[in-house]
């Protein structure tokens, strides 16, 4: 059972990190290569919602497996588990705060691409987009570290 739980932690975190890499390397690049900027933004926003859902599930699976392995809440203060908790918080912040604000601005502008960059709505959208990108990059970097730490943990 312990081997299965160790596998589940690596699988959940690896799936999450791998999905972020795929999202950045394939989905976003492909969307902006074949669609208009507004269409690509809608597609990326939709797929980012799915990525966030996957991340929340992966975090729950990882943390549950860590708890079962550690047989104590102290398992959640190990560096890899703390990383996953931070990843979850950043993901929820993006999903619940940043993306909804961007969605409101996108509706107000009708076309982000056609809205001048000096328009306050566009400036705020661009700022929030930067925050979103930074949050996702943070989740990816922390995820890579947490994945490395998870695979390096000694069986107890």
Protein backbone atom coordinates (compact mmCIF):
# COMPACT_ATOMS: atom_id res chain seq x y z
CA UNK A 1 0.00 0.00 0.00
CA UNK A 2 2.86 2.41 0.78
CA UNK A 3 4.29 1.96 -2.73
CA UNK A 4 0.88 2.73 -4.22
CA UNK A 5 0.56 5.90 -2.14
CA UNK A 6 4.06 7.02 -3.14
CA UNK A 7 3.16 6.40 -6.79
CA UNK A 8 -0.12 8.33 -6.41
CA UNK A 9 1.74 11.38 -5.06
CA UNK A 10 4.22 11.37 -7.93
CA UNK A 11 1.51 10.68 -10.50
CA UNK A 12 -0.78 13.47 -9.23
CA UNK A 13 1.99 16.06 -9.06
CA UNK A 14 3.61 14.90 -12.30
CA UNK A 15 0.28 15.11 -14.11
CA UNK A 16 -0.28 18.65 -12.84
CA UNK A 17 3.22 19.88 -13.70
CA UNK A 18 3.16 18.11 -17.07
CA UNK A 19 -0.21 19.67 -17.87
CA UNK A 20 1.13 23.15 -17.18
CA UNK A 21 4.09 22.51 -19.47
CA UNK A 22 1.76 21.21 -22.21
CA UNK A 23 -0.55 24.19 -21.74
CA UNK A 24 2.30 26.67 -22.18
CA UNK A 25 4.24 24.84 -24.89
CA UNK A 26 1.36 23.61 -27.05
CA UNK A 27 -2.07 25.03 -26.22
CA UNK A 28 -1.21 28.71 -25.91
CA UNK A 29 1.29 28.71 -28.76
CA UNK A 30 -1.09 26.80 -31.01
CA UNK A 31 -4.10 28.94 -30.17
CA UNK A 32 -2.30 32.19 -30.97
CA UNK A 33 -0.79 30.67 -34.14
CA UNK A 34 -4.08 29.60 -35.75
CA UNK A 35 -6.80 31.81 -34.27
CA UNK A 36 -7.41 35.54 -33.99
CA UNK A 37 -6.03 37.03 -30.78
CA UNK A 38 -9.51 37.38 -29.28
CA UNK A 39 -10.45 33.79 -30.20
CA UNK A 40 -7.12 32.51 -28.89
CA UNK A 41 -7.68 34.38 -25.63
CA UNK A 42 -11.08 32.75 -25.21
CA UNK A 43 -9.65 29.28 -25.92
CA UNK A 44 -6.71 29.80 -23.56
CA UNK A 45 -9.07 31.08 -20.86
CA UNK A 46 -11.31 28.04 -21.26
CA UNK A 47 -8.42 25.57 -21.15
CA UNK A 48 -6.85 27.40 -18.21
CA UNK A 49 -10.08 26.77 -16.29
CA UNK A 50 -9.68 23.05 -16.95
CA UNK A 51 -6.02 23.19 -15.96
CA UNK A 52 -6.97 24.83 -12.69
CA UNK A 53 -9.59 22.17 -11.98
CA UNK A 54 -7.03 19.48 -12.67
CA UNK A 55 -4.61 21.24 -10.31
CA UNK A 56 -7.12 21.37 -7.47
CA UNK A 57 -7.85 17.65 -7.88
CA UNK A 58 -4.15 16.79 -8.15
CA UNK A 59 -3.39 18.78 -5.00
CA UNK A 60 -6.17 17.03 -3.07
CA UNK A 61 -4.97 13.60 -4.23
CA UNK A 62 -1.34 14.42 -3.43
CA UNK A 63 -2.11 15.79 0.03
CA UNK A 64 -4.43 12.90 0.91
CA UNK A 65 -1.77 10.39 -0.14
CA UNK A 66 0.82 12.32 1.88
CA UNK A 67 -1.44 12.22 4.94
CA UNK A 68 -2.04 8.49 4.56
CA UNK A 69 1.68 7.86 4.13
CA UNK A 70 2.66 10.03 7.08
CA UNK A 71 -0.24 8.93 9.28
CA UNK A 72 -0.19 12.41 10.81
CA UNK A 73 -0.90 16.04 9.97
CA UNK A 74 2.85 16.58 10.29
CA UNK A 75 3.10 15.06 6.80
CA UNK A 76 1.69 18.34 5.49
CA UNK A 77 4.62 20.39 6.79
CA UNK A 78 7.20 18.50 4.78
CA UNK A 79 8.73 20.76 2.09
CA UNK A 80 7.10 19.01 -0.90
CA UNK A 81 3.65 19.06 0.72
CA UNK A 82 4.07 22.73 1.63
CA UNK A 83 4.97 23.37 -2.01
CA UNK A 84 1.79 21.62 -3.16
CA UNK A 85 -0.27 23.66 -0.68
CA UNK A 86 1.31 26.85 -2.03
CA UNK A 87 0.64 25.70 -5.60
CA UNK A 88 -3.00 25.11 -4.65
CA UNK A 89 -3.32 28.57 -3.09
CA UNK A 90 -1.78 30.27 -6.13
CA UNK A 91 -4.07 28.29 -8.43
CA UNK A 92 -7.15 29.19 -6.40
CA UNK A 93 -6.10 32.84 -6.37
CA UNK A 94 -5.82 32.83 -10.14
CA UNK A 95 -9.04 30.88 -10.61
CA UNK A 96 -11.18 32.78 -8.10
CA UNK A 97 -9.79 36.32 -8.21
CA UNK A 98 -7.67 37.12 -11.28
CA UNK A 99 -9.48 35.23 -14.08
CA UNK A 100 -13.00 36.42 -13.11
CA UNK A 101 -11.79 40.05 -13.18
CA UNK A 102 -10.25 39.46 -16.62
CA UNK A 103 -13.51 37.90 -17.83
CA UNK A 104 -15.50 40.97 -16.76
CA UNK A 105 -13.08 43.28 -18.57
CA UNK A 106 -13.13 41.07 -21.69
CA UNK A 107 -16.93 41.35 -21.85
CA UNK A 108 -16.81 45.12 -21.30
CA UNK A 109 -14.30 45.58 -24.13
CA UNK A 110 -15.97 43.14 -26.56
CA UNK A 111 -12.56 42.82 -28.28
CA UNK A 112 -9.39 43.00 -26.22
CA UNK A 113 -7.30 43.24 -29.37
CA UNK A 114 -9.32 46.18 -30.77
CA UNK A 115 -9.27 48.10 -27.48
CA UNK A 116 -6.47 50.69 -27.38
CA UNK A 117 -3.72 49.95 -24.89
CA UNK A 118 -4.26 53.36 -23.24
CA UNK A 119 -7.89 52.47 -22.41
CA UNK A 120 -8.06 51.91 -18.61
CA UNK A 121 -9.92 48.62 -19.09
CA UNK A 122 -7.24 47.33 -21.46
CA UNK A 123 -4.46 48.50 -19.14
CA UNK A 124 -6.10 46.66 -16.23
CA UNK A 125 -6.65 43.57 -18.39
CA UNK A 126 -3.00 43.58 -19.44
CA UNK A 127 -1.91 43.99 -15.81
CA UNK A 128 -4.12 41.10 -14.69
CA UNK A 129 -2.84 38.99 -17.58
CA UNK A 130 0.69 39.58 -16.28
CA UNK A 131 -0.41 38.54 -12.79
CA UNK A 132 -2.02 35.41 -14.23
CA UNK A 133 1.14 34.48 -16.13
CA UNK A 134 3.26 35.10 -13.02
CA UNK A 135 0.97 32.94 -10.88
CA UNK A 136 1.09 30.08 -13.38
CA UNK A 137 4.88 30.37 -13.67
CA UNK A 138 5.10 30.25 -9.88
CA UNK A 139 2.93 27.14 -9.76
CA UNK A 140 5.14 25.50 -12.40
CA UNK A 141 8.42 26.34 -10.66
CA UNK A 142 7.18 25.30 -7.23
CA UNK A 143 5.73 22.16 -8.81
CA UNK A 144 9.06 21.19 -10.34
CA UNK A 145 10.77 21.62 -6.97
CA UNK A 146 8.01 19.73 -5.14
CA UNK A 147 8.18 16.92 -7.69
CA UNK A 148 11.95 16.66 -7.25
CA UNK A 149 11.60 16.65 -3.46
CA UNK A 150 8.84 14.05 -3.60
CA UNK A 151 10.93 11.67 -5.67
CA UNK A 152 13.89 12.17 -3.31
CA UNK A 153 11.98 11.37 -0.10
CA UNK A 154 13.19 8.28 1.70
CA UNK A 155 10.53 5.65 2.40
CA UNK A 156 9.57 5.73 6.05
